[in-house]
Amino acid sequence: AGHRPLPTFHSLFPRVRIDHIFVDDGLRVEAIHVPRSVLAKTASDHLPLVADLRLAARDGPRAG
């Protein structure tokens, strides 16, 4: 939450979001990034979508 969607459709002026990363309450999104390097633009017809994720703290005792 709190991260703005980024366009991943490869074009001169990308505006369309065609790739997604879904998470549940067990993960927290720390950051998102869409690399726009020459390699990223030539490797696929999609731009990569990169997310830094953190395991969310759980309430209650830990199993083990």
Protein backbone atom coordinates (compact mmCIF):
# COMPACT_ATOMS: atom_id res chain seq x y z
CA ALA A 1 0.00 0.00 0.00
CA GLY A 2 1.16 3.50 -0.67
CA HIS A 3 3.04 2.64 -3.86
CA ARG A 4 1.87 4.12 -7.11
CA PRO A 5 1.40 1.75 -10.05
CA LEU A 6 4.14 1.95 -12.68
CA PRO A 7 3.71 1.36 -16.42
CA THR A 8 5.33 -1.82 -17.76
CA PHE A 9 4.21 -1.77 -21.41
CA HIS A 10 7.37 -1.09 -23.42
CA SER A 11 6.96 1.96 -25.63
CA LEU A 12 8.56 5.36 -26.15
CA PHE A 13 6.25 6.82 -23.48
CA PRO A 14 5.00 3.86 -21.41
CA ARG A 15 1.63 4.51 -19.77
CA VAL A 16 -0.04 1.11 -19.53
CA ARG A 17 0.34 -1.25 -16.54
CA ILE A 18 0.23 -4.81 -17.88
CA ASP A 19 2.25 -6.61 -15.20
CA HIS A 20 1.37 -7.05 -11.55
CA ILE A 21 2.76 -8.55 -8.35
CA PHE A 22 0.12 -9.73 -5.91
CA VAL A 23 0.85 -9.99 -2.19
CA ASP A 24 -1.25 -10.82 0.85
CA ASP A 25 -1.03 -9.72 4.48
CA GLY A 26 2.01 -11.96 5.00
CA LEU A 27 4.20 -9.66 2.89
CA ARG A 28 4.84 -5.95 2.94
CA VAL A 29 5.93 -4.08 -0.21
CA GLU A 30 8.96 -1.94 0.63
CA ALA A 31 9.61 -0.56 -2.87
CA ILE A 32 8.76 -1.12 -6.51
CA HIS A 33 10.81 -0.26 -9.58
CA VAL A 34 10.57 -0.63 -13.35
CA PRO A 35 14.09 -0.73 -14.86
CA ARG A 36 14.38 1.16 -18.14
CA SER A 37 17.92 0.19 -19.17
CA VAL A 38 18.77 -0.68 -22.77
CA LEU A 39 18.89 -4.37 -21.79
CA ALA A 40 15.48 -4.18 -20.09
CA LYS A 41 13.99 -2.55 -23.18
CA THR A 42 15.44 -5.11 -25.61
CA ALA A 43 15.03 -8.31 -23.57
CA SER A 44 11.23 -8.45 -23.77
CA ASP A 45 8.11 -6.69 -24.96
CA HIS A 46 7.39 -6.03 -21.25
CA LEU A 47 9.49 -3.91 -18.92
CA PRO A 48 10.53 -5.80 -15.78
CA LEU A 49 8.62 -5.12 -12.57
CA VAL A 50 10.84 -5.44 -9.49
CA ALA A 51 9.56 -5.42 -5.91
CA ASP A 52 11.41 -5.39 -2.60
CA LEU A 53 9.28 -7.44 -0.20
CA ARG A 54 9.50 -7.93 3.56
CA LEU A 55 7.85 -10.65 5.60
CA ALA A 56 5.18 -9.03 7.75
CA ALA A 57 5.37 -9.46 11.51
CA ARG A 58 2.91 -12.03 12.79
CA ASP A 59 0.91 -11.69 15.97
CA GLY A 60 0.99 -14.49 18.51
CA PRO A 61 3.54 -17.17 19.40
CA ARG A 62 5.82 -18.64 16.77
CA ALA A 63 5.54 -22.31 15.94
CA GLY A 64 8.55 -24.47 16.35
